[in-house]
Amino acid sequence: MNKQTDWTRYYHKKKSYFSTHTQVYTLQLIEKAINDYCNGEIQLLECGGGRSCFAQALTKNNAQLVRYDIVDNNEYAVKLFDDMNIDVLHEGFCQDLTKSDSEKEKYDFVFSIGLIEHFSEDDRSRVIKAHYDSCKPGGIVLISFPTPTRKYRFFRRVMEILHVWQFHDETPLVEQDVKPYVQKYAEVIESKLNKKLPLTQRVIISRKREE
């Protein structure tokens, strides 16, 4: 069994040029989903947000966003988010996403980037459910996760050889590992490959069913 990713250590480290550069492509993808599928004022939740890579840019570039919260199970990561300079209402919640609370506040747009692949299959289903428990009926959920293309396998292997690979419990997933769980709660609007990333990701965008 792979050892667990040390998230506290990860969040203590300065972001690399590599990750900062590639996050631009993911940011564009999130912004497009918001613009394409959301109207009016938007309350947003990032699952596994930690030291959010996207909050400042998203809130700066989109006047519709009136609230930006994150939920993460790492206390240090949540503190980093709470200390960020963001112009809209924002709050970090320290919570285990495998123990979702369906009574909690609901959001118009819920997303995660590179989260669900760090969980076992049973826990992964619970984490996916947590996205929808936090989303309003008719709201949008975007889930992005690494997928094992040849490009992904090549870059990951290079990083492992160079001893810079940090995500020891990451299991790359294919569409059918995730889509059936999404379809329990929502209609899939888009499923596409984010090919611009060296560590390619599959992106599934869905609209939660009306209750």
N, C-alpha and C. Protein backbone atom coordinates (compact mmCIF):
# COMPACT_ATOMS: atom_id res chain seq x y z
N MET A 1 0.84 -1.22 0.00
CA MET A 1 0.00 0.00 0.00
C MET A 1 0.87 1.25 0.00
N ASN A 2 0.53 2.23 -0.85
CA ASN A 2 1.31 3.45 -0.90
C ASN A 2 1.17 4.24 0.38
N LYS A 3 2.24 4.92 0.75
CA LYS A 3 2.14 5.79 1.92
C LYS A 3 1.27 7.01 1.59
N GLN A 4 0.77 7.65 2.63
CA GLN A 4 -0.13 8.78 2.46
C GLN A 4 0.63 10.05 2.07
N THR A 5 -0.01 10.88 1.29
CA THR A 5 0.56 12.19 0.98
C THR A 5 0.60 13.04 2.25
N ASP A 6 1.74 13.67 2.49
CA ASP A 6 1.90 14.56 3.64
C ASP A 6 1.44 15.96 3.23
N TRP A 7 0.15 16.24 3.46
CA TRP A 7 -0.41 17.50 2.98
C TRP A 7 0.11 18.71 3.76
N THR A 8 0.38 18.53 5.03
CA THR A 8 0.91 19.66 5.80
C THR A 8 2.28 20.07 5.24
N ARG A 9 3.10 19.09 4.96
CA ARG A 9 4.41 19.37 4.36
C ARG A 9 4.24 20.02 2.99
N TYR A 10 3.30 19.50 2.21
CA TYR A 10 3.04 20.04 0.87
C TYR A 10 2.65 21.51 0.95
N TYR A 11 1.76 21.84 1.88
CA TYR A 11 1.28 23.22 1.97
C TYR A 11 2.32 24.17 2.58
N HIS A 12 3.30 23.62 3.27
CA HIS A 12 4.38 24.46 3.78
C HIS A 12 5.35 24.86 2.68
N LYS A 13 5.40 24.07 1.62
CA LYS A 13 6.35 24.34 0.56
C LYS A 13 5.86 25.44 -0.37
N LYS A 14 6.80 26.17 -0.92
CA LYS A 14 6.47 27.19 -1.90
C LYS A 14 6.02 26.51 -3.19
N LYS A 15 4.99 27.05 -3.83
CA LYS A 15 4.52 26.47 -5.07
C LYS A 15 5.61 26.55 -6.14
N SER A 16 5.78 25.48 -6.90
CA SER A 16 6.80 25.44 -7.93
C SER A 16 6.35 26.23 -9.16
N TYR A 17 7.31 26.63 -9.97
CA TYR A 17 7.00 27.30 -11.24
C TYR A 17 6.15 26.39 -12.11
N PHE A 18 6.46 25.11 -12.09
CA PHE A 18 5.74 24.11 -12.90
C PHE A 18 4.26 24.11 -12.56
N SER A 19 3.93 24.01 -11.27
CA SER A 19 2.52 23.94 -10.87
C SER A 19 1.82 25.28 -11.11
N THR A 20 2.52 26.39 -10.85
CA THR A 20 1.92 27.71 -11.07
C THR A 20 1.57 27.90 -12.54
N HIS A 21 2.43 27.43 -13.42
CA HIS A 21 2.21 27.58 -14.86
C HIS A 21 1.02 26.74 -15.31
N THR A 22 0.98 25.48 -14.90
CA THR A 22 -0.08 24.59 -15.38
C THR A 22 -1.45 24.94 -14.79
N GLN A 23 -1.46 25.58 -13.62
CA GLN A 23 -2.74 25.94 -13.00
C GLN A 23 -3.52 26.97 -13.82
N VAL A 24 -2.82 27.69 -14.68
CA VAL A 24 -3.49 28.67 -15.54
C VAL A 24 -4.51 27.98 -16.42
N TYR A 25 -4.17 26.81 -16.96
CA TYR A 25 -5.09 26.09 -17.85
C TYR A 25 -6.31 25.59 -17.09
N THR A 26 -6.10 25.16 -15.86
CA THR A 26 -7.23 24.70 -15.05
C THR A 26 -8.12 25.88 -14.67
N LEU A 27 -7.51 27.00 -14.34
CA LEU A 27 -8.28 28.21 -14.02
C LEU A 27 -9.18 28.60 -15.18
N GLN A 28 -8.66 28.56 -16.39
CA GLN A 28 -9.46 28.91 -17.57
C GLN A 28 -10.65 27.97 -17.72
N LEU A 29 -10.43 26.72 -17.42
CA LEU A 29 -11.49 25.72 -17.53
C LEU A 29 -12.60 26.00 -16.50
N ILE A 30 -12.23 26.33 -15.27
CA ILE A 30 -13.22 26.64 -14.23
C ILE A 30 -14.00 27.89 -14.61
N GLU A 31 -13.29 28.91 -15.05
CA GLU A 31 -13.95 30.17 -15.44
C GLU A 31 -14.95 29.94 -16.56
N LYS A 32 -14.58 29.11 -17.52
CA LYS A 32 -15.50 28.83 -18.64
C LYS A 32 -16.75 28.12 -18.14
N ALA A 33 -16.60 27.17 -17.24
CA ALA A 33 -17.76 26.45 -16.71
C ALA A 33 -18.70 27.42 -15.97
N ILE A 34 -18.14 28.31 -15.18
CA ILE A 34 -18.95 29.31 -14.46
C ILE A 34 -19.70 30.18 -15.45
N ASN A 35 -18.99 30.68 -16.46
CA ASN A 35 -19.60 31.58 -17.45
C ASN A 35 -20.66 30.87 -18.29
N ASP A 36 -20.42 29.60 -18.59
CA ASP A 36 -21.34 28.86 -19.47
C ASP A 36 -22.62 28.41 -18.75
N TYR A 37 -22.52 28.10 -17.46
CA TYR A 37 -23.61 27.39 -16.80
C TYR A 37 -24.21 28.09 -15.58
N CYS A 38 -23.67 29.24 -15.19
CA CYS A 38 -24.18 29.93 -14.00
C CYS A 38 -24.67 31.33 -14.36
N ASN A 39 -25.73 31.74 -13.70
CA ASN A 39 -26.29 33.09 -13.89
C ASN A 39 -26.48 33.76 -12.55
N GLY A 40 -26.45 35.09 -12.56
CA GLY A 40 -26.70 35.84 -11.33
C GLY A 40 -25.57 35.70 -10.34
N GLU A 41 -25.88 36.03 -9.08
CA GLU A 41 -24.87 35.94 -8.03
C GLU A 41 -24.56 34.48 -7.72
N ILE A 42 -23.27 34.19 -7.50
CA ILE A 42 -22.82 32.82 -7.33
C ILE A 42 -22.11 32.66 -5.99
N GLN A 43 -22.59 31.69 -5.23
CA GLN A 43 -21.87 31.25 -4.04
C GLN A 43 -21.14 29.95 -4.40
N LEU A 44 -19.85 29.92 -4.16
CA LEU A 44 -19.00 28.84 -4.65
C LEU A 44 -18.31 28.11 -3.51
N LEU A 45 -18.17 26.80 -3.66
CA LEU A 45 -17.43 25.99 -2.70
C LEU A 45 -16.38 25.17 -3.43
N GLU A 46 -15.13 25.26 -2.95
CA GLU A 46 -14.05 24.43 -3.46
C GLU A 46 -13.78 23.32 -2.46
N CYS A 47 -13.96 22.08 -2.89
CA CYS A 47 -13.70 20.93 -2.02
C CYS A 47 -12.24 20.55 -2.10
N GLY A 48 -11.63 20.33 -0.93
CA GLY A 48 -10.20 20.06 -0.91
C GLY A 48 -9.41 21.29 -1.31
N GLY A 49 -9.97 22.45 -1.04
CA GLY A 49 -9.38 23.70 -1.52
C GLY A 49 -8.05 24.05 -0.90
N GLY A 50 -7.87 23.73 0.38
CA GLY A 50 -6.61 24.04 1.05
C GLY A 50 -6.16 25.46 0.79
N ARG A 51 -4.90 25.60 0.47
CA ARG A 51 -4.36 26.90 0.06
C ARG A 51 -4.79 27.11 -1.39
N SER A 52 -5.99 27.59 -1.57
CA SER A 52 -6.60 27.61 -2.90
C SER A 52 -5.72 28.29 -3.93
N CYS A 53 -5.53 27.59 -5.05
CA CYS A 53 -4.75 28.14 -6.17
C CYS A 53 -5.61 29.05 -7.04
N PHE A 54 -6.91 29.04 -6.82
CA PHE A 54 -7.82 29.68 -7.77
C PHE A 54 -8.65 30.82 -7.18
N ALA A 55 -8.75 30.90 -5.87
CA ALA A 55 -9.70 31.83 -5.25
C ALA A 55 -9.45 33.28 -5.64
N GLN A 56 -8.22 33.72 -5.53
CA GLN A 56 -7.95 35.14 -5.80
C GLN A 56 -8.24 35.50 -7.25
N ALA A 57 -7.81 34.66 -8.19
CA ALA A 57 -8.03 34.96 -9.60
C ALA A 57 -9.51 34.88 -9.96
N LEU A 58 -10.21 33.86 -9.46
CA LEU A 58 -11.62 33.70 -9.80
C LEU A 58 -12.45 34.85 -9.27
N THR A 59 -12.20 35.27 -8.05
CA THR A 59 -12.99 36.36 -7.47
C THR A 59 -12.64 37.71 -8.10
N LYS A 60 -11.42 37.84 -8.56
CA LYS A 60 -11.01 39.08 -9.22
C LYS A 60 -11.61 39.20 -10.61
N ASN A 61 -11.71 38.06 -11.31
CA ASN A 61 -12.12 38.08 -12.71
C ASN A 61 -13.62 37.92 -12.92
N ASN A 62 -14.36 37.59 -11.87
CA ASN A 62 -15.78 37.29 -12.05
C ASN A 62 -16.61 38.03 -11.00
N ALA A 63 -17.30 39.06 -11.45
CA ALA A 63 -18.09 39.88 -10.53
C ALA A 63 -19.30 39.14 -9.98
N GLN A 64 -19.69 38.03 -10.61
CA GLN A 64 -20.83 37.25 -10.14
C GLN A 64 -20.54 36.56 -8.80
N LEU A 65 -19.28 36.26 -8.55
CA LEU A 65 -18.93 35.53 -7.34
C LEU A 65 -19.06 36.42 -6.11
N VAL A 66 -19.98 36.06 -5.23
CA VAL A 66 -20.20 36.86 -4.02
C VAL A 66 -19.71 36.14 -2.77
N ARG A 67 -19.42 34.86 -2.91
CA ARG A 67 -18.89 34.09 -1.78
C ARG A 67 -18.02 32.95 -2.31
N TYR A 68 -16.88 32.75 -1.64
CA TYR A 68 -15.95 31.69 -2.04
C TYR A 68 -15.48 30.99 -0.77
N ASP A 69 -15.98 29.78 -0.54
CA ASP A 69 -15.59 28.99 0.63
C ASP A 69 -14.80 27.77 0.18
N ILE A 70 -14.04 27.21 1.11
CA ILE A 70 -13.36 25.94 0.84
C ILE A 70 -13.63 24.99 2.01
N VAL A 71 -13.52 23.71 1.72
CA VAL A 71 -13.58 22.70 2.77
C VAL A 71 -12.40 21.77 2.57
N ASP A 72 -11.67 21.49 3.64
CA ASP A 72 -10.46 20.66 3.56
C ASP A 72 -10.27 20.01 4.93
N ASN A 73 -9.66 18.84 4.94
CA ASN A 73 -9.48 18.16 6.24
C ASN A 73 -8.13 18.46 6.88
N ASN A 74 -7.37 19.40 6.29
CA ASN A 74 -6.07 19.78 6.82
C ASN A 74 -6.18 21.15 7.49
N GLU A 75 -5.98 21.19 8.79
CA GLU A 75 -6.16 22.44 9.55
C GLU A 75 -5.23 23.55 9.06
N TYR A 76 -3.99 23.20 8.76
CA TYR A 76 -3.03 24.21 8.31
C TYR A 76 -3.46 24.80 6.98
N ALA A 77 -3.96 23.95 6.08
CA ALA A 77 -4.41 24.43 4.78
C ALA A 77 -5.60 25.38 4.93
N VAL A 78 -6.51 25.06 5.82
CA VAL A 78 -7.67 25.91 6.06
C VAL A 78 -7.23 27.26 6.62
N LYS A 79 -6.26 27.26 7.51
CA LYS A 79 -5.74 28.51 8.06
C LYS A 79 -5.13 29.37 6.96
N LEU A 80 -4.38 28.75 6.06
CA LEU A 80 -3.78 29.49 4.95
C LEU A 80 -4.86 30.17 4.12
N PHE A 81 -5.97 29.46 3.89
CA PHE A 81 -7.05 30.04 3.11
C PHE A 81 -7.69 31.20 3.87
N ASP A 82 -7.97 31.02 5.15
CA ASP A 82 -8.60 32.08 5.94
C ASP A 82 -7.76 33.35 5.96
N ASP A 83 -6.44 33.19 5.84
CA ASP A 83 -5.53 34.34 5.88
C ASP A 83 -5.34 34.99 4.51
N MET A 84 -5.93 34.42 3.47
CA MET A 84 -5.77 34.98 2.13
C MET A 84 -6.53 36.29 1.98
N ASN A 85 -6.01 37.14 1.12
CA ASN A 85 -6.65 38.42 0.83
C ASN A 85 -7.61 38.23 -0.35
N ILE A 86 -8.88 38.05 -0.02
CA ILE A 86 -9.92 37.85 -1.03
C ILE A 86 -11.01 38.89 -0.80
N ASP A 87 -11.46 39.51 -1.90
CA ASP A 87 -12.37 40.65 -1.78
C ASP A 87 -13.82 40.28 -1.51
N VAL A 88 -14.18 38.99 -1.60
CA VAL A 88 -15.56 38.59 -1.34
C VAL A 88 -15.61 37.83 -0.02
N LEU A 89 -16.82 37.61 0.47
CA LEU A 89 -16.98 36.79 1.67
C LEU A 89 -16.34 35.43 1.45
N HIS A 90 -15.60 34.96 2.43
CA HIS A 90 -14.95 33.67 2.28
C HIS A 90 -14.69 33.05 3.64
N GLU A 91 -14.74 31.72 3.68
CA GLU A 91 -14.49 31.00 4.92
C GLU A 91 -13.97 29.61 4.60
N GLY A 92 -13.04 29.14 5.42
CA GLY A 92 -12.52 27.79 5.28
C GLY A 92 -13.11 26.89 6.35
N PHE A 93 -13.52 25.71 5.95
CA PHE A 93 -14.09 24.74 6.90
C PHE A 93 -13.18 23.52 6.95
N CYS A 94 -12.80 23.12 8.17
CA CYS A 94 -12.00 21.92 8.35
C CYS A 94 -12.96 20.75 8.56
N GLN A 95 -13.03 19.88 7.57
CA GLN A 95 -14.04 18.81 7.61
C GLN A 95 -13.55 17.61 6.82
N ASP A 96 -13.88 16.43 7.29
CA ASP A 96 -13.62 15.19 6.59
C ASP A 96 -14.72 14.98 5.55
N LEU A 97 -14.37 15.04 4.27
CA LEU A 97 -15.38 14.96 3.22
C LEU A 97 -15.96 13.57 3.05
N THR A 98 -15.39 12.58 3.71
CA THR A 98 -16.01 11.25 3.68
C THR A 98 -17.17 11.16 4.66
N LYS A 99 -17.35 12.22 5.47
CA LYS A 99 -18.45 12.28 6.43
C LYS A 99 -19.27 13.52 6.14
N SER A 100 -19.91 13.51 5.01
CA SER A 100 -20.62 14.69 4.53
C SER A 100 -21.86 14.99 5.36
N ASP A 101 -22.18 16.26 5.46
CA ASP A 101 -23.37 16.72 6.17
C ASP A 101 -24.36 17.30 5.17
N SER A 102 -25.41 16.56 4.88
CA SER A 102 -26.37 16.99 3.87
C SER A 102 -27.18 18.21 4.30
N GLU A 103 -27.09 18.58 5.58
CA GLU A 103 -27.85 19.72 6.09
C GLU A 103 -27.06 21.02 6.01
N LYS A 104 -25.80 20.96 5.58
CA LYS A 104 -24.98 22.16 5.57
C LYS A 104 -25.42 23.12 4.46
N GLU A 105 -24.80 24.30 4.44
CA GLU A 105 -25.16 25.32 3.46
C GLU A 105 -24.97 24.81 2.03
N LYS A 106 -25.83 25.30 1.14
CA LYS A 106 -25.78 24.87 -0.26
C LYS A 106 -25.20 25.98 -1.13
N TYR A 107 -24.50 25.56 -2.18
CA TYR A 107 -23.80 26.49 -3.08
C TYR A 107 -24.27 26.32 -4.51
N ASP A 108 -24.05 27.38 -5.30
CA ASP A 108 -24.45 27.37 -6.71
C ASP A 108 -23.44 26.61 -7.57
N PHE A 109 -22.18 26.64 -7.17
CA PHE A 109 -21.11 26.02 -7.95
C PHE A 109 -20.16 25.34 -6.97
N VAL A 110 -19.94 24.06 -7.17
CA VAL A 110 -19.06 23.27 -6.30
C VAL A 110 -18.03 22.60 -7.20
N PHE A 111 -16.76 22.66 -6.79
CA PHE A 111 -15.76 22.01 -7.63
C PHE A 111 -14.60 21.47 -6.80
N SER A 112 -13.89 20.52 -7.41
CA SER A 112 -12.63 20.04 -6.84
C SER A 112 -11.67 19.73 -7.97
N ILE A 113 -10.41 19.98 -7.73
CA ILE A 113 -9.35 19.72 -8.70
C ILE A 113 -8.32 18.81 -8.03
N GLY A 114 -8.20 17.60 -8.54
CA GLY A 114 -7.19 16.69 -7.99
C GLY A 114 -7.45 16.31 -6.55
N LEU A 115 -8.64 15.88 -6.26
CA LEU A 115 -9.02 15.49 -4.89
C LEU A 115 -9.41 14.02 -4.79
N ILE A 116 -10.35 13.59 -5.60
CA ILE A 116 -10.98 12.29 -5.37
C ILE A 116 -10.03 11.12 -5.59
N GLU A 117 -8.95 11.33 -6.32
CA GLU A 117 -8.00 10.25 -6.61
C GLU A 117 -7.15 9.85 -5.41
N HIS A 118 -7.28 10.58 -4.32
CA HIS A 118 -6.51 10.29 -3.11
C HIS A 118 -7.27 9.40 -2.12
N PHE A 119 -8.43 8.89 -2.54
CA PHE A 119 -9.27 8.10 -1.65
C PHE A 119 -9.48 6.70 -2.21
N SER A 120 -9.74 5.76 -1.31
CA SER A 120 -10.13 4.42 -1.73
C SER A 120 -11.46 4.49 -2.46
N GLU A 121 -11.84 3.42 -3.14
CA GLU A 121 -13.08 3.46 -3.93
C GLU A 121 -14.29 3.78 -3.06
N ASP A 122 -14.41 3.17 -1.90
CA ASP A 122 -15.57 3.43 -1.03
C ASP A 122 -15.57 4.87 -0.55
N ASP A 123 -14.43 5.36 -0.11
CA ASP A 123 -14.36 6.74 0.36
C ASP A 123 -14.53 7.72 -0.80
N ARG A 124 -14.06 7.35 -1.97
CA ARG A 124 -14.22 8.21 -3.14
C ARG A 124 -15.69 8.44 -3.42
N SER A 125 -16.51 7.41 -3.31
CA SER A 125 -17.95 7.58 -3.55
C SER A 125 -18.56 8.54 -2.53
N ARG A 126 -18.06 8.49 -1.30
CA ARG A 126 -18.56 9.40 -0.26
C ARG A 126 -18.14 10.84 -0.54
N VAL A 127 -16.92 11.01 -1.01
CA VAL A 127 -16.43 12.36 -1.32
C VAL A 127 -17.19 12.94 -2.50
N ILE A 128 -17.47 12.13 -3.50
CA ILE A 128 -18.27 12.61 -4.63
C ILE A 128 -19.66 13.01 -4.15
N LYS A 129 -20.26 12.19 -3.31
CA LYS A 129 -21.58 12.52 -2.74
C LYS A 129 -21.53 13.86 -1.99
N ALA A 130 -20.42 14.11 -1.29
CA ALA A 130 -20.29 15.36 -0.53
C ALA A 130 -20.36 16.58 -1.43
N HIS A 131 -19.85 16.47 -2.66
CA HIS A 131 -19.96 17.58 -3.61
C HIS A 131 -21.43 17.94 -3.82
N TYR A 132 -22.26 16.91 -4.01
CA TYR A 132 -23.67 17.15 -4.32
C TYR A 132 -24.48 17.50 -3.08
N ASP A 133 -24.07 17.00 -1.93
CA ASP A 133 -24.73 17.40 -0.69
C ASP A 133 -24.54 18.90 -0.44
N SER A 134 -23.46 19.47 -0.97
CA SER A 134 -23.16 20.88 -0.76
C SER A 134 -23.71 21.77 -1.87
N CYS A 135 -24.32 21.17 -2.89
CA CYS A 135 -24.77 21.92 -4.06
C CYS A 135 -26.28 22.12 -4.03
N LYS A 136 -26.73 23.28 -4.46
CA LYS A 136 -28.16 23.55 -4.59
C LYS A 136 -28.75 22.72 -5.74
N PRO A 137 -30.01 22.34 -5.64
CA PRO A 137 -30.66 21.70 -6.80
C PRO A 137 -30.54 22.62 -8.03
N GLY A 138 -30.14 22.06 -9.14
CA GLY A 138 -29.94 22.86 -10.34
C GLY A 138 -28.57 23.49 -10.42
N GLY A 139 -27.77 23.35 -9.36
CA GLY A 139 -26.43 23.92 -9.35
C GLY A 139 -25.44 23.06 -10.12
N ILE A 140 -24.23 23.60 -10.28
CA ILE A 140 -23.21 22.97 -11.10
C ILE A 140 -22.10 22.37 -10.22
N VAL A 141 -21.68 21.16 -10.58
CA VAL A 141 -20.55 20.51 -9.91
C VAL A 141 -19.51 20.16 -10.97
N LEU A 142 -18.28 20.57 -10.72
CA LEU A 142 -17.15 20.25 -11.60
C LEU A 142 -16.14 19.43 -10.80
N ILE A 143 -15.81 18.26 -11.32
CA ILE A 143 -14.84 17.38 -10.67
C ILE A 143 -13.75 17.06 -11.68
N SER A 144 -12.51 17.37 -11.33
CA SER A 144 -11.37 17.11 -12.20
C SER A 144 -10.41 16.17 -11.50
N PHE A 145 -9.92 15.17 -12.23
CA PHE A 145 -9.06 14.16 -11.61
C PHE A 145 -8.05 13.65 -12.63
N PRO A 146 -6.86 13.27 -12.19
CA PRO A 146 -5.84 12.76 -13.12
C PRO A 146 -6.28 11.47 -13.78
N THR A 147 -5.92 11.34 -15.04
CA THR A 147 -6.31 10.16 -15.80
C THR A 147 -5.07 9.59 -16.51
N PRO A 148 -4.94 8.26 -16.57
CA PRO A 148 -3.66 7.66 -16.95
C PRO A 148 -3.41 7.58 -18.46
N THR A 149 -3.33 8.72 -19.11
CA THR A 149 -2.90 8.75 -20.50
C THR A 149 -1.40 8.44 -20.57
N ARG A 150 -0.91 8.22 -21.77
CA ARG A 150 0.53 8.01 -21.95
C ARG A 150 1.32 9.22 -21.46
N LYS A 151 0.78 10.40 -21.70
CA LYS A 151 1.43 11.64 -21.26
C LYS A 151 1.52 11.68 -19.74
N TYR A 152 0.41 11.35 -19.06
CA TYR A 152 0.42 11.32 -17.60
C TYR A 152 1.46 10.35 -17.09
N ARG A 153 1.45 9.13 -17.62
CA ARG A 153 2.37 8.11 -17.13
C ARG A 153 3.82 8.51 -17.34
N PHE A 154 4.10 9.16 -18.46
CA PHE A 154 5.48 9.60 -18.74
C PHE A 154 5.94 10.64 -17.73
N PHE A 155 5.15 11.70 -17.55
CA PHE A 155 5.57 12.77 -16.66
C PHE A 155 5.62 12.31 -15.21
N ARG A 156 4.68 11.47 -14.82
CA ARG A 156 4.73 10.97 -13.45
C ARG A 156 5.99 10.13 -13.23
N ARG A 157 6.32 9.28 -14.20
CA ARG A 157 7.50 8.45 -14.04
C ARG A 157 8.77 9.29 -13.95
N VAL A 158 8.85 10.32 -14.76
CA VAL A 158 10.01 11.23 -14.68
C VAL A 158 10.11 11.87 -13.31
N MET A 159 8.98 12.32 -12.77
CA MET A 159 8.98 12.96 -11.45
C MET A 159 9.36 11.96 -10.36
N GLU A 160 8.93 10.72 -10.51
CA GLU A 160 9.30 9.69 -9.53
C GLU A 160 10.80 9.40 -9.59
N ILE A 161 11.35 9.34 -10.78
CA ILE A 161 12.79 9.09 -10.93
C ILE A 161 13.60 10.24 -10.32
N LEU A 162 13.10 11.46 -10.49
CA LEU A 162 13.80 12.63 -9.94
C LEU A 162 13.51 12.86 -8.45
N HIS A 163 12.68 11.99 -7.88
CA HIS A 163 12.31 12.08 -6.46
C HIS A 163 11.63 13.40 -6.09
N VAL A 164 10.81 13.87 -7.01
CA VAL A 164 10.02 15.08 -6.73
C VAL A 164 8.52 14.78 -6.69
N TRP A 165 8.16 13.51 -6.87
CA TRP A 165 6.75 13.13 -6.81
C TRP A 165 6.29 13.11 -5.36
N GLN A 166 5.21 13.85 -5.04
CA GLN A 166 4.77 14.01 -3.66
C GLN A 166 3.47 13.28 -3.33
N PHE A 167 2.71 12.90 -4.36
CA PHE A 167 1.35 12.43 -4.14
C PHE A 167 1.31 10.90 -4.13
N HIS A 168 1.81 10.33 -3.04
CA HIS A 168 2.06 8.90 -2.98
C HIS A 168 0.78 8.06 -3.02
N ASP A 169 -0.34 8.64 -2.62
CA ASP A 169 -1.60 7.88 -2.62
C ASP A 169 -2.50 8.25 -3.80
N GLU A 170 -1.94 8.90 -4.81
CA GLU A 170 -2.73 9.28 -5.98
C GLU A 170 -2.93 8.08 -6.91
N THR A 171 -4.18 7.79 -7.22
CA THR A 171 -4.53 6.74 -8.18
C THR A 171 -5.22 7.38 -9.37
N PRO A 172 -4.57 7.44 -10.54
CA PRO A 172 -5.23 8.03 -11.70
C PRO A 172 -6.48 7.23 -12.07
N LEU A 173 -7.52 7.94 -12.49
CA LEU A 173 -8.83 7.33 -12.72
C LEU A 173 -9.27 7.55 -14.16
N VAL A 174 -10.08 6.64 -14.65
CA VAL A 174 -10.70 6.82 -15.96
C VAL A 174 -12.14 7.27 -15.76
N GLU A 175 -12.78 7.69 -16.83
CA GLU A 175 -14.12 8.26 -16.75
C GLU A 175 -15.10 7.34 -16.03
N GLN A 176 -15.05 6.05 -16.34
CA GLN A 176 -16.03 5.12 -15.77
C GLN A 176 -15.78 4.81 -14.29
N ASP A 177 -14.64 5.24 -13.76
CA ASP A 177 -14.42 5.14 -12.32
C ASP A 177 -15.25 6.18 -11.56
N VAL A 178 -15.65 7.23 -12.25
CA VAL A 178 -16.28 8.38 -11.59
C VAL A 178 -17.70 8.64 -12.08
N LYS A 179 -17.91 8.57 -13.39
CA LYS A 179 -19.18 8.98 -13.98
C LYS A 179 -20.40 8.28 -13.39
N PRO A 180 -20.38 6.96 -13.12
CA PRO A 180 -21.56 6.33 -12.53
C PRO A 180 -21.95 6.91 -11.18
N TYR A 181 -20.96 7.33 -10.38
CA TYR A 181 -21.27 7.93 -9.09
C TYR A 181 -21.89 9.32 -9.28
N VAL A 182 -21.38 10.07 -10.25
CA VAL A 182 -21.92 11.40 -10.55
C VAL A 182 -23.38 11.28 -10.99
N GLN A 183 -23.67 10.28 -11.82
CA GLN A 183 -25.01 10.14 -12.39
C GLN A 183 -26.07 9.75 -11.36
N LYS A 184 -25.64 9.37 -10.17
CA LYS A 184 -26.61 9.12 -9.10
C LYS A 184 -27.30 10.41 -8.67
N TYR A 185 -26.60 11.53 -8.84
CA TYR A 185 -27.09 12.80 -8.28
C TYR A 185 -27.34 13.87 -9.33
N ALA A 186 -26.81 13.67 -10.54
CA ALA A 186 -26.80 14.79 -11.48
C ALA A 186 -26.83 14.32 -12.93
N GLU A 187 -27.11 15.26 -13.81
CA GLU A 187 -27.00 15.04 -15.24
C GLU A 187 -25.63 15.52 -15.70
N VAL A 188 -24.89 14.65 -16.36
CA VAL A 188 -23.58 15.04 -16.88
C VAL A 188 -23.77 15.97 -18.08
N ILE A 189 -23.15 17.14 -18.01
CA ILE A 189 -23.23 18.11 -19.11
C ILE A 189 -22.04 17.97 -20.03
N GLU A 190 -20.86 17.82 -19.44
CA GLU A 190 -19.63 17.68 -20.21
C GLU A 190 -18.72 16.67 -19.54
N SER A 191 -17.98 15.93 -20.37
CA SER A 191 -16.89 15.10 -19.88
C SER A 191 -15.76 15.25 -20.89
N LYS A 192 -14.66 15.81 -20.47
CA LYS A 192 -13.59 16.11 -21.42
C LYS A 192 -12.22 15.94 -20.78
N LEU A 193 -11.22 15.88 -21.64
CA LEU A 193 -9.85 15.69 -21.20
C LEU A 193 -9.14 17.03 -21.21
N ASN A 194 -8.52 17.37 -20.09
CA ASN A 194 -7.70 18.58 -20.02
C ASN A 194 -6.29 18.19 -20.47
N LYS A 195 -6.06 18.23 -21.79
CA LYS A 195 -4.82 17.72 -22.38
C LYS A 195 -3.65 18.68 -22.23
N LYS A 196 -3.93 19.93 -21.86
CA LYS A 196 -2.84 20.90 -21.76
C LYS A 196 -1.94 20.64 -20.55
N LEU A 197 -2.44 19.87 -19.58
CA LEU A 197 -1.64 19.58 -18.40
C LEU A 197 -0.68 18.43 -18.68
N PRO A 198 0.56 18.52 -18.20
CA PRO A 198 1.47 17.38 -18.32
C PRO A 198 0.91 16.14 -17.64
N LEU A 199 0.32 16.33 -16.46
CA LEU A 199 -0.37 15.26 -15.75
C LEU A 199 -1.85 15.39 -16.08
N THR A 200 -2.23 14.83 -17.21
CA THR A 200 -3.56 15.05 -17.79
C THR A 200 -4.68 14.74 -16.82
N GLN A 201 -5.77 15.50 -16.94
CA GLN A 201 -6.92 15.30 -16.07
C GLN A 201 -8.20 15.17 -16.89
N ARG A 202 -9.08 14.31 -16.43
CA ARG A 202 -10.44 14.20 -16.94
C ARG A 202 -11.33 15.14 -16.14
N VAL A 203 -12.19 15.85 -16.81
CA VAL A 203 -13.07 16.83 -16.16
C VAL A 203 -14.53 16.44 -16.44
N ILE A 204 -15.30 16.29 -15.38
CA ILE A 204 -16.72 15.99 -15.52
C ILE A 204 -17.51 17.15 -14.91
N ILE A 205 -18.36 17.76 -15.73
CA ILE A 205 -19.21 18.87 -15.29
C ILE A 205 -20.65 18.39 -15.32
N SER A 206 -21.38 18.62 -14.24
CA SER A 206 -22.75 18.11 -14.14
C SER A 206 -23.66 19.13 -13.48
N ARG A 207 -24.96 18.95 -13.71
CA ARG A 207 -25.97 19.79 -13.05
C ARG A 207 -26.77 18.91 -12.09
N LYS A 208 -26.80 19.31 -10.82
CA LYS A 208 -27.52 18.52 -9.83
C LYS A 208 -29.01 18.53 -10.15
N ARG A 209 -29.61 17.37 -10.00
CA ARG A 209 -31.04 17.24 -10.28
C ARG A 209 -31.87 18.06 -9.29
N GLU A 210 -32.97 18.57 -9.79
CA GLU A 210 -33.92 19.27 -8.94
C GLU A 210 -34.56 18.27 -7.98
N GLU A 211 -34.77 18.66 -6.76
CA GLU A 211 -35.34 17.76 -5.74
C GLU A 211 -36.86 17.81 -5.79
